[in-house]
């Protein structure tokens, strides 16, 4: 199998991670607002259709709240992994550059 050259843009990876983090914070804010939003019983009236609508509205709110919390968790995880990956690539590249420079110094010392 032929060797392939891998190229990574760590600045872009970090920028994407920052965007994911921002989106995660927005999802968390939405979840917080939804959890604070109370829908008092009887707000739509006290007849069967109004109570049915109230129940449906509460279920929808709870569903959106759970989804927002899930989005926050996933986006935060993605952001963290992106930053970790960028750091690993940067460190690996730096270590490789130092090893190459060290090998070059060793060859120069042998030639002298």
PDB file of N, CA and C in Angstrom:
ATOM      1  N   UNK A   1       0.847  -1.168   0.000  1.00  0.00           N
ATOM      2  CA  UNK A   1       0.000   0.000   0.000  1.00  0.00           C
ATOM      3  C   UNK A   1       0.901   1.242   0.000  1.00  0.00           C
ATOM      4  N   UNK A   2       0.662   2.167  -0.903  1.00  0.00           N
ATOM      5  CA  UNK A   2       1.511   3.350  -0.982  1.00  0.00           C
ATOM      6  C   UNK A   2       1.303   4.265   0.228  1.00  0.00           C
ATOM      7  N   UNK A   3       2.382   4.928   0.632  1.00  0.00           N
ATOM      8  CA  UNK A   3       2.302   5.869   1.744  1.00  0.00           C
ATOM      9  C   UNK A   3       1.532   7.109   1.300  1.00  0.00           C
ATOM     10  N   UNK A   4       0.766   7.638   2.201  1.00  0.00           N
ATOM     11  CA  UNK A   4       0.007   8.845   1.906  1.00  0.00           C
ATOM     12  C   UNK A   4       0.448   9.957   2.843  1.00  0.00           C
ATOM     13  N   UNK A   5       0.424  11.143   2.321  1.00  0.00           N
ATOM     14  CA  UNK A   5       0.791  12.303   3.121  1.00  0.00           C
ATOM     15  C   UNK A   5      -0.466  12.825   3.821  1.00  0.00           C
ATOM     16  N   UNK A   6      -0.361  12.998   5.116  1.00  0.00           N
ATOM     17  CA  UNK A   6      -1.477  13.543   5.881  1.00  0.00           C
ATOM     18  C   UNK A   6      -1.189  15.006   6.199  1.00  0.00           C
ATOM     19  N   UNK A   7      -2.167  15.839   5.963  1.00  0.00           N
ATOM     20  CA  UNK A   7      -2.034  17.249   6.283  1.00  0.00           C
ATOM     21  C   UNK A   7      -3.193  17.652   7.180  1.00  0.00           C
ATOM     22  N   UNK A   8      -2.872  18.404   8.212  1.00  0.00           N
ATOM     23  CA  UNK A   8      -3.876  18.843   9.167  1.00  0.00           C
ATOM     24  C   UNK A   8      -3.787  20.347   9.335  1.00  0.00           C
ATOM     25  N   UNK A   9      -4.925  20.981   9.367  1.00  0.00           N
ATOM     26  CA  UNK A   9      -4.989  22.411   9.616  1.00  0.00           C
ATOM     27  C   UNK A   9      -5.502  22.582  11.048  1.00  0.00           C
ATOM     28  N   UNK A  10      -4.563  22.716  11.988  1.00  0.00           N
ATOM     29  CA  UNK A  10      -4.954  22.783  13.394  1.00  0.00           C
ATOM     30  C   UNK A  10      -5.727  24.065  13.714  1.00  0.00           C
ATOM     31  N   UNK A  11      -5.439  25.154  13.008  1.00  0.00           N
ATOM     32  CA  UNK A  11      -6.201  26.390  13.239  1.00  0.00           C
ATOM     33  C   UNK A  11      -7.663  26.189  12.868  1.00  0.00           C
ATOM     34  N   UNK A  12      -7.893  25.510  11.755  1.00  0.00           N
ATOM     35  CA  UNK A  12      -9.262  25.231  11.324  1.00  0.00           C
ATOM     36  C   UNK A  12      -9.942  24.265  12.295  1.00  0.00           C
ATOM     37  N   UNK A  13      -9.197  23.280  12.765  1.00  0.00           N
ATOM     38  CA  UNK A  13      -9.741  22.318  13.730  1.00  0.00           C
ATOM     39  C   UNK A  13     -10.136  23.030  15.021  1.00  0.00           C
ATOM     40  N   UNK A  14      -9.290  23.939  15.475  1.00  0.00           N
ATOM     41  CA  UNK A  14      -9.611  24.698  16.695  1.00  0.00           C
ATOM     42  C   UNK A  14     -10.806  25.631  16.456  1.00  0.00           C
ATOM     43  N   UNK A  15     -10.869  26.243  15.284  1.00  0.00           N
ATOM     44  CA  UNK A  15     -11.995  27.127  14.973  1.00  0.00           C
ATOM     45  C   UNK A  15     -13.305  26.336  14.949  1.00  0.00           C
ATOM     46  N   UNK A  16     -13.273  25.158  14.362  1.00  0.00           N
ATOM     47  CA  UNK A  16     -14.467  24.303  14.354  1.00  0.00           C
ATOM     48  C   UNK A  16     -14.853  23.880  15.757  1.00  0.00           C
ATOM     49  N   UNK A  17     -13.857  23.599  16.577  1.00  0.00           N
ATOM     50  CA  UNK A  17     -14.122  23.240  17.977  1.00  0.00           C
ATOM     51  C   UNK A  17     -14.753  24.409  18.722  1.00  0.00           C
ATOM     52  N   UNK A  18     -14.240  25.607  18.470  1.00  0.00           N
ATOM     53  CA  UNK A  18     -14.814  26.790  19.106  1.00  0.00           C
ATOM     54  C   UNK A  18     -16.263  27.001  18.670  1.00  0.00           C
ATOM     55  N   UNK A  19     -16.549  26.759  17.397  1.00  0.00           N
ATOM     56  CA  UNK A  19     -17.925  26.883  16.898  1.00  0.00           C
ATOM     57  C   UNK A  19     -18.839  25.860  17.555  1.00  0.00           C
ATOM     58  N   UNK A  20     -18.337  24.638  17.718  1.00  0.00           N
ATOM     59  CA  UNK A  20     -19.122  23.596  18.388  1.00  0.00           C
ATOM     60  C   UNK A  20     -19.374  23.969  19.844  1.00  0.00           C
ATOM     61  N   UNK A  21     -18.379  24.538  20.483  1.00  0.00           N
ATOM     62  CA  UNK A  21     -18.529  24.967  21.870  1.00  0.00           C
ATOM     63  C   UNK A  21     -19.591  26.070  21.978  1.00  0.00           C
ATOM     64  N   UNK A  22     -19.529  27.034  21.058  1.00  0.00           N
ATOM     65  CA  UNK A  22     -20.513  28.121  21.038  1.00  0.00           C
ATOM     66  C   UNK A  22     -21.923  27.559  20.842  1.00  0.00           C
ATOM     67  N   UNK A  23     -22.069  26.621  19.920  1.00  0.00           N
ATOM     68  CA  UNK A  23     -23.375  26.010  19.663  1.00  0.00           C
ATOM     69  C   UNK A  23     -23.850  25.227  20.881  1.00  0.00           C
ATOM     70  N   UNK A  24     -22.919  24.551  21.554  1.00  0.00           N
ATOM     71  CA  UNK A  24     -23.271  23.822  22.769  1.00  0.00           C
ATOM     72  C   UNK A  24     -23.773  24.751  23.867  1.00  0.00           C
ATOM     73  N   UNK A  25     -23.120  25.903  24.001  1.00  0.00           N
ATOM     74  CA  UNK A  25     -23.564  26.885  24.992  1.00  0.00           C
ATOM     75  C   UNK A  25     -24.952  27.429  24.645  1.00  0.00           C
ATOM     76  N   UNK A  26     -25.210  27.633  23.359  1.00  0.00           N
ATOM     77  CA  UNK A  26     -26.531  28.097  22.926  1.00  0.00           C
ATOM     78  C   UNK A  26     -27.593  27.044  23.251  1.00  0.00           C
ATOM     79  N   UNK A  27     -27.266  25.773  23.038  1.00  0.00           N
ATOM     80  CA  UNK A  27     -28.202  24.693  23.356  1.00  0.00           C
ATOM     81  C   UNK A  27     -28.448  24.628  24.863  1.00  0.00           C
ATOM     82  N   UNK A  28     -27.391  24.839  25.642  1.00  0.00           N
ATOM     83  CA  UNK A  28     -27.538  24.835  27.102  1.00  0.00           C
ATOM     84  C   UNK A  28     -28.428  25.995  27.558  1.00  0.00           C
ATOM     85  N   UNK A  29     -28.238  27.159  26.947  1.00  0.00           N
ATOM     86  CA  UNK A  29     -29.060  28.319  27.280  1.00  0.00           C
ATOM     87  C   UNK A  29     -30.527  28.050  26.938  1.00  0.00           C
ATOM     88  N   UNK A  30     -30.753  27.426  25.788  1.00  0.00           N
ATOM     89  CA  UNK A  30     -32.124  27.083  25.386  1.00  0.00           C
ATOM     90  C   UNK A  30     -32.743  26.103  26.379  1.00  0.00           C
ATOM     91  N   UNK A  31     -31.959  25.111  26.796  1.00  0.00           N
ATOM     92  CA  UNK A  31     -32.466  24.133  27.759  1.00  0.00           C
ATOM     93  C   UNK A  31     -32.808  24.807  29.085  1.00  0.00           C
ATOM     94  N   UNK A  32     -31.969  25.732  29.495  1.00  0.00           N
ATOM     95  CA  UNK A  32     -32.218  26.450  30.745  1.00  0.00           C
ATOM     96  C   UNK A  32     -33.505  27.262  30.664  1.00  0.00           C
ATOM     97  N   UNK A  33     -33.686  27.940  29.542  1.00  0.00           N
ATOM     98  CA  UNK A  33     -34.906  28.740  29.381  1.00  0.00           C
ATOM     99  C   UNK A  33     -36.148  27.851  29.325  1.00  0.00           C
ATOM    100  N   UNK A  34     -36.028  26.721  28.642  1.00  0.00           N
ATOM    101  CA  UNK A  34     -37.172  25.812  28.568  1.00  0.00           C
ATOM    102  C   UNK A  34     -37.508  25.230  29.934  1.00  0.00           C
ATOM    103  N   UNK A  35     -36.491  24.906  30.714  1.00  0.00           N
ATOM    104  CA  UNK A  35     -36.764  24.325  32.031  1.00  0.00           C
ATOM    105  C   UNK A  35     -37.394  25.350  32.961  1.00  0.00           C
ATOM    106  N   UNK A  36     -37.099  26.632  32.735  1.00  0.00           N
ATOM    107  CA  UNK A  36     -37.690  27.696  33.547  1.00  0.00           C
ATOM    108  C   UNK A  36     -39.106  28.059  33.098  1.00  0.00           C
ATOM    109  N   UNK A  37     -39.467  27.680  31.893  1.00  0.00           N
ATOM    110  CA  UNK A  37     -40.776  28.053  31.337  1.00  0.00           C
ATOM    111  C   UNK A  37     -41.858  27.140  31.911  1.00  0.00           C
ATOM    112  N   UNK A  38     -42.635  27.710  32.762  1.00  0.00           N
ATOM    113  CA  UNK A  38     -43.738  26.955  33.354  1.00  0.00           C
ATOM    114  C   UNK A  38     -45.012  27.234  32.567  1.00  0.00           C
ATOM    115  N   UNK A  39     -45.814  26.238  32.458  1.00  0.00           N
ATOM    116  CA  UNK A  39     -47.083  26.351  31.751  1.00  0.00           C
ATOM    117  C   UNK A  39     -48.175  25.942  32.742  1.00  0.00           C
ATOM    118  N   UNK A  40     -48.718  26.922  33.451  1.00  0.00           N
ATOM    119  CA  UNK A  40     -49.681  26.582  34.510  1.00  0.00           C
ATOM    120  C   UNK A  40     -50.917  25.868  33.970  1.00  0.00           C
ATOM    121  N   UNK A  41     -51.392  24.960  34.751  1.00  0.00           N
ATOM    122  CA  UNK A  41     -52.608  24.233  34.401  1.00  0.00           C
ATOM    123  C   UNK A  41     -53.769  25.233  34.325  1.00  0.00           C
ATOM    124  N   UNK A  42     -54.607  25.086  33.355  1.00  0.00           N
ATOM    125  CA  UNK A  42     -55.770  25.937  33.188  1.00  0.00           C
ATOM    126  C   UNK A  42     -55.506  27.198  32.379  1.00  0.00           C
ATOM    127  N   UNK A  43     -54.275  27.380  31.914  1.00  0.00           N
ATOM    128  CA  UNK A  43     -53.932  28.592  31.163  1.00  0.00           C
ATOM    129  C   UNK A  43     -54.749  28.703  29.871  1.00  0.00           C
ATOM    130  N   UNK A  44     -55.120  27.563  29.312  1.00  0.00           N
ATOM    131  CA  UNK A  44     -55.875  27.561  28.054  1.00  0.00           C
ATOM    132  C   UNK A  44     -57.377  27.365  28.292  1.00  0.00           C
ATOM    133  N   UNK A  45     -57.745  27.312  29.536  1.00  0.00           N
ATOM    134  CA  UNK A  45     -59.139  27.091  29.872  1.00  0.00           C
ATOM    135  C   UNK A  45     -59.300  25.784  30.616  1.00  0.00           C
ATOM    136  N   UNK A  46     -60.495  25.564  31.078  1.00  0.00           N
ATOM    137  CA  UNK A  46     -60.738  24.352  31.865  1.00  0.00           C
ATOM    138  C   UNK A  46     -61.791  23.487  31.190  1.00  0.00           C
ATOM    139  N   UNK A  47     -61.468  23.062  29.981  1.00  0.00           N
ATOM    140  CA  UNK A  47     -62.334  22.132  29.259  1.00  0.00           C
ATOM    141  C   UNK A  47     -61.417  21.103  28.605  1.00  0.00           C
ATOM    142  N   UNK A  48     -61.967  20.021  28.160  1.00  0.00           N
ATOM    143  CA  UNK A  48     -61.180  18.867  27.713  1.00  0.00           C
ATOM    144  C   UNK A  48     -60.158  19.219  26.629  1.00  0.00           C
ATOM    145  N   UNK A  49     -60.570  19.969  25.620  1.00  0.00           N
ATOM    146  CA  UNK A  49     -59.640  20.309  24.531  1.00  0.00           C
ATOM    147  C   UNK A  49     -58.489  21.174  25.040  1.00  0.00           C
ATOM    148  N   UNK A  50     -58.774  22.100  25.943  1.00  0.00           N
ATOM    149  CA  UNK A  50     -57.724  22.966  26.491  1.00  0.00           C
ATOM    150  C   UNK A  50     -56.749  22.150  27.332  1.00  0.00           C
ATOM    151  N   UNK A  51     -57.260  21.234  28.118  1.00  0.00           N
ATOM    152  CA  UNK A  51     -56.399  20.376  28.931  1.00  0.00           C
ATOM    153  C   UNK A  51     -55.567  19.444  28.051  1.00  0.00           C
ATOM    154  N   UNK A  52     -56.152  18.970  26.962  1.00  0.00           N
ATOM    155  CA  UNK A  52     -55.393  18.140  26.013  1.00  0.00           C
ATOM    156  C   UNK A  52     -54.278  18.932  25.354  1.00  0.00           C
ATOM    157  N   UNK A  53     -54.579  20.177  24.992  1.00  0.00           N
ATOM    158  CA  UNK A  53     -53.563  21.034  24.395  1.00  0.00           C
ATOM    159  C   UNK A  53     -52.461  21.341  25.402  1.00  0.00           C
ATOM    160  N   UNK A  54     -52.827  21.598  26.639  1.00  0.00           N
ATOM    161  CA  UNK A  54     -51.859  21.857  27.702  1.00  0.00           C
ATOM    162  C   UNK A  54     -50.920  20.666  27.862  1.00  0.00           C
ATOM    163  N   UNK A  55     -51.477  19.486  27.877  1.00  0.00           N
ATOM    164  CA  UNK A  55     -50.678  18.263  28.011  1.00  0.00           C
ATOM    165  C   UNK A  55     -49.729  18.100  26.825  1.00  0.00           C
ATOM    166  N   UNK A  56     -50.230  18.359  25.619  1.00  0.00           N
ATOM    167  CA  UNK A  56     -49.385  18.253  24.415  1.00  0.00           C
ATOM    168  C   UNK A  56     -48.266  19.293  24.439  1.00  0.00           C
ATOM    169  N   UNK A  57     -48.580  20.498  24.892  1.00  0.00           N
ATOM    170  CA  UNK A  57     -47.569  21.554  24.972  1.00  0.00           C
ATOM    171  C   UNK A  57     -46.484  21.180  25.983  1.00  0.00           C
ATOM    172  N   UNK A  58     -46.866  20.609  27.120  1.00  0.00           N
ATOM    173  CA  UNK A  58     -45.878  20.178  28.117  1.00  0.00           C
ATOM    174  C   UNK A  58     -44.993  19.065  27.569  1.00  0.00           C
ATOM    175  N   UNK A  59     -45.579  18.118  26.865  1.00  0.00           N
ATOM    176  CA  UNK A  59     -44.788  17.031  26.271  1.00  0.00           C
ATOM    177  C   UNK A  59     -43.803  17.577  25.247  1.00  0.00           C
ATOM    178  N   UNK A  60     -44.241  18.520  24.427  1.00  0.00           N
ATOM    179  CA  UNK A  60     -43.353  19.126  23.422  1.00  0.00           C
ATOM    180  C   UNK A  60     -42.215  19.882  24.102  1.00  0.00           C
ATOM    181  N   UNK A  61     -42.546  20.636  25.146  1.00  0.00           N
ATOM    182  CA  UNK A  61     -41.502  21.365  25.877  1.00  0.00           C
ATOM    183  C   UNK A  61     -40.477  20.407  26.472  1.00  0.00           C
ATOM    184  N   UNK A  62     -40.964  19.344  27.103  1.00  0.00           N
ATOM    185  CA  UNK A  62     -40.060  18.367  27.717  1.00  0.00           C
ATOM    186  C   UNK A  62     -39.185  17.691  26.669  1.00  0.00           C
ATOM    187  N   UNK A  63     -39.763  17.408  25.508  1.00  0.00           N
ATOM    188  CA  UNK A  63     -38.997  16.795  24.414  1.00  0.00           C
ATOM    189  C   UNK A  63     -37.908  17.742  23.919  1.00  0.00           C
ATOM    190  N   UNK A  64     -38.252  19.003  23.726  1.00  0.00           N
ATOM    191  CA  UNK A  64     -37.270  19.992  23.276  1.00  0.00           C
ATOM    192  C   UNK A  64     -36.195  20.216  24.337  1.00  0.00           C
ATOM    193  N   UNK A  65     -36.600  20.210  25.594  1.00  0.00           N
ATOM    194  CA  UNK A  65     -35.651  20.364  26.687  1.00  0.00           C
ATOM    195  C   UNK A  65     -34.627  19.224  26.659  1.00  0.00           C
ATOM    196  N   UNK A  66     -35.109  18.004  26.522  1.00  0.00           N
ATOM    197  CA  UNK A  66     -34.197  16.851  26.489  1.00  0.00           C
ATOM    198  C   UNK A  66     -33.269  16.922  25.280  1.00  0.00           C
ATOM    199  N   UNK A  67     -33.807  17.279  24.120  1.00  0.00           N
ATOM    200  CA  UNK A  67     -32.974  17.400  22.920  1.00  0.00           C
ATOM    201  C   UNK A  67     -31.921  18.488  23.071  1.00  0.00           C
ATOM    202  N   UNK A  68     -32.292  19.602  23.661  1.00  0.00           N
ATOM    203  CA  UNK A  68     -31.330  20.690  23.871  1.00  0.00           C
ATOM    204  C   UNK A  68     -30.214  20.254  24.817  1.00  0.00           C
ATOM    205  N   UNK A  69     -30.570  19.521  25.857  1.00  0.00           N
ATOM    206  CA  UNK A  69     -29.557  19.010  26.784  1.00  0.00           C
ATOM    207  C   UNK A  69     -28.632  18.013  26.082  1.00  0.00           C
ATOM    208  N   UNK A  70     -29.205  17.156  25.249  1.00  0.00           N
ATOM    209  CA  UNK A  70     -28.403  16.193  24.481  1.00  0.00           C
ATOM    210  C   UNK A  70     -27.477  16.914  23.501  1.00  0.00           C
ATOM    211  N   UNK A  71     -27.996  17.933  22.829  1.00  0.00           N
ATOM    212  CA  UNK A  71     -27.165  18.703  21.892  1.00  0.00           C
ATOM    213  C   UNK A  71     -26.008  19.363  22.625  1.00  0.00           C
ATOM    214  N   UNK A  72     -26.296  19.930  23.778  1.00  0.00           N
ATOM    215  CA  UNK A  72     -25.240  20.561  24.566  1.00  0.00           C
ATOM    216  C   UNK A  72     -24.135  19.556  24.890  1.00  0.00           C
ATOM    217  N   UNK A  73     -24.522  18.397  25.377  1.00  0.00           N
ATOM    218  CA  UNK A  73     -23.534  17.375  25.749  1.00  0.00           C
ATOM    219  C   UNK A  73     -22.705  16.930  24.545  1.00  0.00           C
ATOM    220  N   UNK A  74     -23.356  16.680  23.427  1.00  0.00           N
ATOM    221  CA  UNK A  74     -22.642  16.210  22.240  1.00  0.00           C
ATOM    222  C   UNK A  74     -21.736  17.281  21.649  1.00  0.00           C
ATOM    223  N   UNK A  75     -22.235  18.501  21.557  1.00  0.00           N
ATOM    224  CA  UNK A  75     -21.427  19.584  20.977  1.00  0.00           C
ATOM    225  C   UNK A  75     -20.234  19.923  21.865  1.00  0.00           C
ATOM    226  N   UNK A  76     -20.425  19.864  23.167  1.00  0.00           N
ATOM    227  CA  UNK A  76     -19.319  20.104  24.092  1.00  0.00           C
ATOM    228  C   UNK A  76     -18.266  19.008  23.953  1.00  0.00           C
ATOM    229  N   UNK A  77     -18.715  17.784  23.789  1.00  0.00           N
ATOM    230  CA  UNK A  77     -17.792  16.664  23.599  1.00  0.00           C
ATOM    231  C   UNK A  77     -17.008  16.811  22.295  1.00  0.00           C
ATOM    232  N   UNK A  78     -17.696  17.188  21.235  1.00  0.00           N
ATOM    233  CA  UNK A  78     -17.035  17.404  19.941  1.00  0.00           C
ATOM    234  C   UNK A  78     -15.986  18.510  20.061  1.00  0.00           C
ATOM    235  N   UNK A  79     -16.346  19.599  20.730  1.00  0.00           N
ATOM    236  CA  UNK A  79     -15.417  20.726  20.898  1.00  0.00           C
ATOM    237  C   UNK A  79     -14.176  20.276  21.660  1.00  0.00           C
ATOM    238  N   UNK A  80     -14.381  19.521  22.713  1.00  0.00           N
ATOM    239  CA  UNK A  80     -13.257  19.037  23.515  1.00  0.00           C
ATOM    240  C   UNK A  80     -12.335  18.134  22.692  1.00  0.00           C
ATOM    241  N   UNK A  81     -12.923  17.218  21.957  1.00  0.00           N
ATOM    242  CA  UNK A  81     -12.128  16.295  21.143  1.00  0.00           C
ATOM    243  C   UNK A  81     -11.373  17.030  20.041  1.00  0.00           C
ATOM    244  N   UNK A  82     -11.974  18.057  19.468  1.00  0.00           N
ATOM    245  CA  UNK A  82     -11.298  18.839  18.437  1.00  0.00           C
ATOM    246  C   UNK A  82     -10.071  19.543  18.985  1.00  0.00           C
ATOM    247  N   UNK A  83     -10.201  20.140  20.162  1.00  0.00           N
ATOM    248  CA  UNK A  83      -9.063  20.830  20.776  1.00  0.00           C
ATOM    249  C   UNK A  83      -7.977  19.836  21.182  1.00  0.00           C
ATOM    250  N   UNK A  84      -8.386  18.701  21.706  1.00  0.00           N
ATOM    251  CA  UNK A  84      -7.407  17.665  22.073  1.00  0.00           C
ATOM    252  C   UNK A  84      -6.679  17.175  20.821  1.00  0.00           C
ATOM    253  N   UNK A  85      -7.427  16.917  19.758  1.00  0.00           N
ATOM    254  CA  UNK A  85      -6.814  16.455  18.505  1.00  0.00           C
ATOM    255  C   UNK A  85      -5.834  17.466  17.942  1.00  0.00           C
ATOM    256  N   UNK A  86      -6.198  18.735  17.962  1.00  0.00           N
ATOM    257  CA  UNK A  86      -5.295  19.786  17.464  1.00  0.00           C
ATOM    258  C   UNK A  86      -4.025  19.830  18.295  1.00  0.00           C
ATOM    259  N   UNK A  87      -4.172  19.671  19.604  1.00  0.00           N
ATOM    260  CA  UNK A  87      -2.995  19.659  20.482  1.00  0.00           C
ATOM    261  C   UNK A  87      -2.096  18.472  20.214  1.00  0.00           C
ATOM    262  N   UNK A  88      -2.695  17.315  19.995  1.00  0.00           N
ATOM    263  CA  UNK A  88      -1.904  16.104  19.714  1.00  0.00           C
ATOM    264  C   UNK A  88      -1.138  16.259  18.401  1.00  0.00           C
ATOM    265  N   UNK A  89      -1.809  16.776  17.370  1.00  0.00           N
ATOM    266  CA  UNK A  89      -1.145  16.973  16.074  1.00  0.00           C
ATOM    267  C   UNK A  89       0.009  17.971  16.220  1.00  0.00           C
ATOM    268  N   UNK A  90      -0.227  19.064  16.930  1.00  0.00           N
ATOM    269  CA  UNK A  90       0.814  20.075  17.125  1.00  0.00           C
ATOM    270  C   UNK A  90       1.999  19.496  17.891  1.00  0.00           C
ATOM    271  N   UNK A  91       1.713  18.765  18.967  1.00  0.00           N
ATOM    272  CA  UNK A  91       2.793  18.165  19.760  1.00  0.00           C
ATOM    273  C   UNK A  91       3.572  17.128  18.965  1.00  0.00           C
ATOM    274  N   UNK A  92       2.861  16.300  18.206  1.00  0.00           N
ATOM    275  CA  UNK A  92       3.510  15.270  17.395  1.00  0.00           C
ATOM    276  C   UNK A  92       4.402  15.913  16.338  1.00  0.00           C
ATOM    277  N   UNK A  93       3.897  16.961  15.695  1.00  0.00           N
ATOM    278  CA  UNK A  93       4.675  17.667  14.688  1.00  0.00           C
ATOM    279  C   UNK A  93       5.921  18.289  15.307  1.00  0.00           C
ATOM    280  N   UNK A  94       5.778  18.875  16.466  1.00  0.00           N
ATOM    281  CA  UNK A  94       6.914  19.495  17.162  1.00  0.00           C
ATOM    282  C   UNK A  94       7.947  18.445  17.559  1.00  0.00           C
ATOM    283  N   UNK A  95       7.479  17.320  18.091  1.00  0.00           N
ATOM    284  CA  UNK A  95       8.398  16.236  18.475  1.00  0.00           C
ATOM    285  C   UNK A  95       9.147  15.695  17.261  1.00  0.00           C
ATOM    286  N   UNK A  96       8.440  15.542  16.150  1.00  0.00           N
ATOM    287  CA  UNK A  96       9.082  15.042  14.933  1.00  0.00           C
ATOM    288  C   UNK A  96      10.115  16.041  14.425  1.00  0.00           C
ATOM    289  N   UNK A  97       9.796  17.324  14.474  1.00  0.00           N
ATOM    290  CA  UNK A  97      10.739  18.352  14.026  1.00  0.00           C
ATOM    291  C   UNK A  97      11.991  18.346  14.898  1.00  0.00           C
ATOM    292  N   UNK A  98      11.827  18.181  16.187  1.00  0.00           N
ATOM    293  CA  UNK A  98      12.979  18.114  17.089  1.00  0.00           C
ATOM    294  C   UNK A  98      13.825  16.878  16.813  1.00  0.00           C
ATOM    295  N   UNK A  99      13.174  15.754  16.542  1.00  0.00           N
ATOM    296  CA  UNK A  99      13.909  14.524  16.242  1.00  0.00           C
ATOM    297  C   UNK A  99      14.700  14.670  14.945  1.00  0.00           C
ATOM    298  N   UNK A 100      14.109  15.298  13.946  1.00  0.00           N
ATOM    299  CA  UNK A 100      14.795  15.517  12.675  1.00  0.00           C
ATOM    300  C   UNK A 100      15.974  16.462  12.865  1.00  0.00           C
ATOM    301  N   UNK A 101      15.745  17.521  13.630  1.00  0.00           N
ATOM    302  CA  UNK A 101      16.844  18.465  13.893  1.00  0.00           C
ATOM    303  C   UNK A 101      17.961  17.771  14.666  1.00  0.00           C
ATOM    304  N   UNK A 102      17.615  16.933  15.617  1.00  0.00           N
ATOM    305  CA  UNK A 102      18.611  16.197  16.391  1.00  0.00           C
ATOM    306  C   UNK A 102      19.400  15.244  15.513  1.00  0.00           C
ATOM    307  N   UNK A 103      18.733  14.598  14.572  1.00  0.00           N
ATOM    308  CA  UNK A 103      19.424  13.682  13.665  1.00  0.00           C
ATOM    309  C   UNK A 103      20.375  14.459  12.764  1.00  0.00           C
ATOM    310  N   UNK A 104      19.943  15.625  12.319  1.00  0.00           N
ATOM    311  CA  UNK A 104      20.798  16.456  11.480  1.00  0.00           C
ATOM    312  C   UNK A 104      22.043  16.878  12.240  1.00  0.00           C
ATOM    313  N   UNK A 105      21.876  17.266  13.503  1.00  0.00           N
ATOM    314  CA  UNK A 105      23.022  17.643  14.336  1.00  0.00           C
ATOM    315  C   UNK A 105      23.975  16.467  14.523  1.00  0.00           C
ATOM    316  N   UNK A 106      23.416  15.278  14.656  1.00  0.00           N
ATOM    317  CA  UNK A 106      24.243  14.086  14.852  1.00  0.00           C
ATOM    318  C   UNK A 106      25.076  13.800  13.604  1.00  0.00           C
ATOM    319  N   UNK A 107      24.489  13.945  12.430  1.00  0.00           N
ATOM    320  CA  UNK A 107      25.222  13.708  11.187  1.00  0.00           C
ATOM    321  C   UNK A 107      26.313  14.757  11.000  1.00  0.00           C
ATOM    322  N   UNK A 108      26.031  15.997  11.343  1.00  0.00           N
ATOM    323  CA  UNK A 108      27.024  17.066  11.225  1.00  0.00           C
ATOM    324  C   UNK A 108      28.184  16.805  12.152  1.00  0.00           C
ATOM    325  N   UNK A 109      27.917  16.272  13.340  1.00  0.00           N
ATOM    326  CA  UNK A 109      28.991  15.975  14.307  1.00  0.00           C
ATOM    327  C   UNK A 109      29.859  14.837  13.779  1.00  0.00           C
ATOM    328  N   UNK A 110      29.253  13.858  13.115  1.00  0.00           N
ATOM    329  CA  UNK A 110      30.023  12.710  12.592  1.00  0.00           C
ATOM    330  C   UNK A 110      30.896  13.152  11.417  1.00  0.00           C
ATOM    331  N   UNK A 111      30.420  14.126  10.625  1.00  0.00           N
ATOM    332  CA  UNK A 111      31.180  14.603   9.477  1.00  0.00           C
ATOM    333  C   UNK A 111      32.376  15.447   9.900  1.00  0.00           C
ATOM    334  N   UNK A 112      32.331  16.018  11.064  1.00  0.00           N
ATOM    335  CA  UNK A 112      33.410  16.909  11.498  1.00  0.00           C
ATOM    336  C   UNK A 112      34.643  16.211  11.922  1.00  0.00           C
TER     337      UNK A 112
END
